[in-house]
Amino acid sequence: NHHAHQIKIWGSYAFNENLLVGANYSGISGRHYGCNGPVPVSRDPDQISQFYNPPPGHYCFGTLTPRGESFQTDWINRLDVSVRYAVPSQYLTLINNSELVLRADIFNVFDLQGVTEANETGQLSGGGVNATYMKPVTYQTPRFVRLGFDLTF
């Protein structure tokens, strides 16, 4: 699960004493994958690897494939934005000395759909080619919004 580079940048700006806007960017380089398949008979005379699914070896069609040298996924980029608004105290007449903060968070603002995990089984236990080799298994979480509030009294 090696990612050679990770970049994180975050910050916030208070427009006034009531309104705060923040952002968080993260960029993670792609993961390097190998090709997994059954171990050849010359390396596994008892053929124990044939009982595993997916196959346990770093072999594809009898050839040793070093880990992380077959393919790589793309960078995963994500921008999250948050807004906080503190309601002025003169509008809070129900509870004395109370504070109300309204919050909104938008995650993955640009709704990017990068591949976070791919299939690295190139050869099936029975010896056949895996049709889903190098295909995406999971994608990054789609854009979503979280609304909330803090009430202190």
C-alpha atoms as a PDB file:
ATOM      1  CA  ASN A   1       0.000   0.000   0.000  1.00  0.00           C
ATOM      2  CA  HIS A   2       2.890   2.321  -0.818  1.00  0.00           C
ATOM      3  CA  HIS A   3       2.188   5.872  -1.971  1.00  0.00           C
ATOM      4  CA  ALA A   4       5.403   7.742  -2.779  1.00  0.00           C
ATOM      5  CA  HIS A   5       4.000  11.243  -2.183  1.00  0.00           C
ATOM      6  CA  GLN A   6       1.340  12.897  -0.064  1.00  0.00           C
ATOM      7  CA  ILE A   7       0.530  16.586  -0.045  1.00  0.00           C
ATOM      8  CA  LYS A   8      -1.769  18.238   2.478  1.00  0.00           C
ATOM      9  CA  ILE A   9      -2.656  21.921   2.599  1.00  0.00           C
ATOM     10  CA  TRP A  10      -5.231  23.449   4.895  1.00  0.00           C
ATOM     11  CA  GLY A  11      -6.260  26.810   6.201  1.00  0.00           C
ATOM     12  CA  SER A  12      -9.126  29.008   7.270  1.00  0.00           C
ATOM     13  CA  TYR A  13     -10.110  32.640   7.086  1.00  0.00           C
ATOM     14  CA  ALA A  14     -12.355  34.579   9.444  1.00  0.00           C
ATOM     15  CA  PHE A  15     -14.297  37.180   7.457  1.00  0.00           C
ATOM     16  CA  ASN A  16     -15.594  38.649  10.702  1.00  0.00           C
ATOM     17  CA  GLU A  17     -16.200  37.431  14.259  1.00  0.00           C
ATOM     18  CA  ASN A  18     -19.193  35.365  13.105  1.00  0.00           C
ATOM     19  CA  LEU A  19     -18.147  33.826   9.779  1.00  0.00           C
ATOM     20  CA  LEU A  20     -15.266  31.373   9.332  1.00  0.00           C
ATOM     21  CA  VAL A  21     -14.462  29.573   6.057  1.00  0.00           C
ATOM     22  CA  GLY A  22     -11.890  26.799   5.802  1.00  0.00           C
ATOM     23  CA  ALA A  23     -10.489  24.450   3.173  1.00  0.00           C
ATOM     24  CA  ASN A  24      -8.490  21.242   3.227  1.00  0.00           C
ATOM     25  CA  TYR A  25      -6.691  19.801   0.164  1.00  0.00           C
ATOM     26  CA  SER A  26      -5.006  16.415  -0.001  1.00  0.00           C
ATOM     27  CA  GLY A  27      -3.205  14.817  -2.906  1.00  0.00           C
ATOM     28  CA  ILE A  28      -1.908  11.249  -2.730  1.00  0.00           C
ATOM     29  CA  SER A  29       0.194   9.678  -5.459  1.00  0.00           C
ATOM     30  CA  GLY A  30      -0.991   6.464  -7.055  1.00  0.00           C
ATOM     31  CA  ARG A  31      -0.362   3.071  -5.523  1.00  0.00           C
ATOM     32  CA  HIS A  32       2.004   0.675  -7.267  1.00  0.00           C
ATOM     33  CA  TYR A  33       0.696  -2.830  -7.985  1.00  0.00           C
ATOM     34  CA  GLY A  34       2.200  -6.137  -9.040  1.00  0.00           C
ATOM     35  CA  CYS A  35       0.715  -9.183 -10.714  1.00  0.00           C
ATOM     36  CA  ASN A  36      -0.393 -12.050  -8.491  1.00  0.00           C
ATOM     37  CA  GLY A  37      -0.921 -15.610  -9.618  1.00  0.00           C
ATOM     38  CA  PRO A  38      -0.241 -19.204  -8.604  1.00  0.00           C
ATOM     39  CA  VAL A  39       3.290 -20.203  -7.715  1.00  0.00           C
ATOM     40  CA  PRO A  40       4.817 -22.442 -10.464  1.00  0.00           C
ATOM     41  CA  VAL A  41       5.319 -26.159  -9.776  1.00  0.00           C
ATOM     42  CA  SER A  42       9.110 -25.688  -9.781  1.00  0.00           C
ATOM     43  CA  ARG A  43       8.758 -23.341  -6.778  1.00  0.00           C
ATOM     44  CA  ASP A  44       5.818 -25.103  -5.110  1.00  0.00           C
ATOM     45  CA  PRO A  45       6.163 -28.876  -5.695  1.00  0.00           C
ATOM     46  CA  ASP A  46       3.216 -29.716  -3.412  1.00  0.00           C
ATOM     47  CA  GLN A  47       0.994 -27.218  -5.295  1.00  0.00           C
ATOM     48  CA  ILE A  48      -0.326 -25.745  -2.064  1.00  0.00           C
ATOM     49  CA  SER A  49      -0.913 -22.387  -3.782  1.00  0.00           C
ATOM     50  CA  GLN A  50      -3.636 -23.890  -5.988  1.00  0.00           C
ATOM     51  CA  PHE A  51      -5.973 -24.075  -2.967  1.00  0.00           C
ATOM     52  CA  TYR A  52      -5.913 -20.308  -2.382  1.00  0.00           C
ATOM     53  CA  ASN A  53      -8.226 -17.844  -4.045  1.00  0.00           C
ATOM     54  CA  PRO A  54      -6.912 -15.351  -4.957  1.00  0.00           C
ATOM     55  CA  PRO A  55      -3.535 -16.998  -5.644  1.00  0.00           C
ATOM     56  CA  PRO A  56      -0.842 -16.059  -3.132  1.00  0.00           C
ATOM     57  CA  GLY A  57       2.245 -15.761  -5.329  1.00  0.00           C
ATOM     58  CA  HIS A  58       3.891 -12.861  -7.103  1.00  0.00           C
ATOM     59  CA  TYR A  59       3.975 -14.875 -10.304  1.00  0.00           C
ATOM     60  CA  CYS A  60       2.058 -14.304 -13.518  1.00  0.00           C
ATOM     61  CA  PHE A  61       2.099 -17.189 -15.988  1.00  0.00           C
ATOM     62  CA  GLY A  62       5.212 -18.665 -14.415  1.00  0.00           C
ATOM     63  CA  THR A  63       7.204 -15.423 -14.384  1.00  0.00           C
ATOM     64  CA  LEU A  64       8.222 -13.767 -11.133  1.00  0.00           C
ATOM     65  CA  THR A  65       6.757 -10.257 -11.032  1.00  0.00           C
ATOM     66  CA  PRO A  66       8.303  -7.940  -8.454  1.00  0.00           C
ATOM     67  CA  ARG A  67       5.878  -6.210  -6.150  1.00  0.00           C
ATOM     68  CA  GLY A  68       4.728  -2.815  -7.320  1.00  0.00           C
ATOM     69  CA  GLU A  69       6.219  -2.969 -10.811  1.00  0.00           C
ATOM     70  CA  SER A  70       3.252  -3.916 -13.016  1.00  0.00           C
ATOM     71  CA  PHE A  71       0.981  -0.847 -12.947  1.00  0.00           C
ATOM     72  CA  GLN A  72       0.073   2.210 -10.894  1.00  0.00           C
ATOM     73  CA  THR A  73      -3.197   4.002 -10.113  1.00  0.00           C
ATOM     74  CA  ASP A  74      -3.674   7.753 -10.629  1.00  0.00           C
ATOM     75  CA  TRP A  75      -3.242  10.463  -8.029  1.00  0.00           C
ATOM     76  CA  ILE A  76      -6.144  10.908  -5.605  1.00  0.00           C
ATOM     77  CA  ASN A  77      -7.032  14.586  -5.171  1.00  0.00           C
ATOM     78  CA  ARG A  78      -9.604  15.884  -2.740  1.00  0.00           C
ATOM     79  CA  LEU A  79     -10.768  19.337  -1.679  1.00  0.00           C
ATOM     80  CA  ASP A  80     -13.019  19.789   1.353  1.00  0.00           C
ATOM     81  CA  VAL A  81     -14.583  23.115   2.359  1.00  0.00           C
ATOM     82  CA  SER A  82     -16.188  24.141   5.643  1.00  0.00           C
ATOM     83  CA  VAL A  83     -18.246  27.148   6.727  1.00  0.00           C
ATOM     84  CA  ARG A  84     -18.998  28.120  10.332  1.00  0.00           C
ATOM     85  CA  TYR A  85     -21.424  30.861  11.294  1.00  0.00           C
ATOM     86  CA  ALA A  86     -21.764  31.962  14.921  1.00  0.00           C
ATOM     87  CA  VAL A  87     -25.242  33.372  15.430  1.00  0.00           C
ATOM     88  CA  PRO A  88     -25.003  36.720  17.262  1.00  0.00           C
ATOM     89  CA  SER A  89     -26.095  36.448  20.907  1.00  0.00           C
ATOM     90  CA  GLN A  90     -28.872  39.067  20.579  1.00  0.00           C
ATOM     91  CA  TYR A  91     -30.795  36.549  18.415  1.00  0.00           C
ATOM     92  CA  LEU A  92     -30.628  33.849  21.092  1.00  0.00           C
ATOM     93  CA  THR A  93     -33.294  34.895  23.567  1.00  0.00           C
ATOM     94  CA  LEU A  94     -34.388  31.424  24.652  1.00  0.00           C
ATOM     95  CA  ILE A  95     -31.338  30.627  26.751  1.00  0.00           C
ATOM     96  CA  ASN A  96     -29.227  33.273  28.488  1.00  0.00           C
ATOM     97  CA  ASN A  97     -25.463  33.204  27.821  1.00  0.00           C
ATOM     98  CA  SER A  98     -25.859  30.649  25.070  1.00  0.00           C
ATOM     99  CA  GLU A  99     -23.908  30.327  21.816  1.00  0.00           C
ATOM    100  CA  LEU A 100     -25.125  28.802  18.566  1.00  0.00           C
ATOM    101  CA  VAL A 101     -22.762  27.898  15.717  1.00  0.00           C
ATOM    102  CA  LEU A 102     -24.164  26.649  12.405  1.00  0.00           C
ATOM    103  CA  ARG A 103     -21.854  24.388  10.384  1.00  0.00           C
ATOM    104  CA  ALA A 104     -21.723  23.162   6.791  1.00  0.00           C
ATOM    105  CA  ASP A 105     -19.010  20.894   5.410  1.00  0.00           C
ATOM    106  CA  ILE A 106     -18.652  19.860   1.771  1.00  0.00           C
ATOM    107  CA  PHE A 107     -16.381  16.879   1.192  1.00  0.00           C
ATOM    108  CA  ASN A 108     -14.798  16.147  -2.220  1.00  0.00           C
ATOM    109  CA  VAL A 109     -16.089  19.447  -3.624  1.00  0.00           C
ATOM    110  CA  PHE A 110     -15.304  18.594  -7.259  1.00  0.00           C
ATOM    111  CA  ASP A 111     -16.802  15.074  -6.965  1.00  0.00           C
ATOM    112  CA  LEU A 112     -13.597  13.455  -8.236  1.00  0.00           C
ATOM    113  CA  GLN A 113     -13.784   9.695  -8.715  1.00  0.00           C
ATOM    114  CA  GLY A 114     -10.191   8.479  -8.507  1.00  0.00           C
ATOM    115  CA  VAL A 115      -9.395   4.779  -8.171  1.00  0.00           C
ATOM    116  CA  THR A 116      -8.266   4.017  -4.619  1.00  0.00           C
ATOM    117  CA  GLU A 117      -7.790   0.270  -5.101  1.00  0.00           C
ATOM    118  CA  ALA A 118      -7.361  -1.994  -8.138  1.00  0.00           C
ATOM    119  CA  ASN A 119      -7.306  -5.747  -8.716  1.00  0.00           C
ATOM    120  CA  GLU A 120      -3.761  -7.117  -8.872  1.00  0.00           C
ATOM    121  CA  THR A 121      -4.608 -10.786  -9.470  1.00  0.00           C
ATOM    122  CA  GLY A 122      -3.495 -11.361 -13.062  1.00  0.00           C
ATOM    123  CA  GLN A 123      -3.710 -15.149 -13.206  1.00  0.00           C
ATOM    124  CA  LEU A 124      -6.401 -17.279 -11.578  1.00  0.00           C
ATOM    125  CA  SER A 125      -5.663 -20.374  -9.490  1.00  0.00           C
ATOM    126  CA  GLY A 126      -6.748 -22.616 -12.371  1.00  0.00           C
ATOM    127  CA  GLY A 127      -4.215 -20.946 -14.688  1.00  0.00           C
ATOM    128  CA  GLY A 128      -6.586 -18.727 -16.672  1.00  0.00           C
ATOM    129  CA  VAL A 129      -6.309 -14.997 -17.263  1.00  0.00           C
ATOM    130  CA  ASN A 130      -8.219 -12.836 -14.790  1.00  0.00           C
ATOM    131  CA  ALA A 131     -10.509 -10.541 -16.810  1.00  0.00           C
ATOM    132  CA  THR A 132     -10.664  -8.037 -13.947  1.00  0.00           C
ATOM    133  CA  TYR A 133      -6.886  -7.622 -13.601  1.00  0.00           C
ATOM    134  CA  MET A 134      -5.957  -3.910 -13.285  1.00  0.00           C
ATOM    135  CA  LYS A 135      -9.662  -2.976 -13.049  1.00  0.00           C
ATOM    136  CA  PRO A 136     -10.857  -0.665 -10.254  1.00  0.00           C
ATOM    137  CA  VAL A 137     -12.108  -2.248  -7.049  1.00  0.00           C
ATOM    138  CA  THR A 138     -12.932   0.939  -5.107  1.00  0.00           C
ATOM    139  CA  TYR A 139     -13.195   4.638  -5.876  1.00  0.00           C
ATOM    140  CA  GLN A 140     -12.830   7.638  -3.614  1.00  0.00           C
ATOM    141  CA  THR A 141     -15.913   8.713  -1.689  1.00  0.00           C
ATOM    142  CA  PRO A 142     -18.238  10.893  -3.796  1.00  0.00           C
ATOM    143  CA  ARG A 143     -19.124  14.458  -2.832  1.00  0.00           C
ATOM    144  CA  PHE A 144     -21.328  14.792   0.210  1.00  0.00           C
ATOM    145  CA  VAL A 145     -22.500  17.541   2.546  1.00  0.00           C
ATOM    146  CA  ARG A 146     -22.731  17.487   6.325  1.00  0.00           C
ATOM    147  CA  LEU A 147     -24.847  20.063   8.166  1.00  0.00           C
ATOM    148  CA  GLY A 148     -24.753  20.589  11.882  1.00  0.00           C
ATOM    149  CA  PHE A 149     -24.838  22.988  14.794  1.00  0.00           C
ATOM    150  CA  ASP A 150     -23.218  23.521  18.168  1.00  0.00           C
ATOM    151  CA  LEU A 151     -25.335  24.884  20.998  1.00  0.00           C
ATOM    152  CA  THR A 152     -23.545  25.900  24.163  1.00  0.00           C
ATOM    153  CA  PHE A 153     -25.574  26.932  27.203  1.00  0.00           C
END
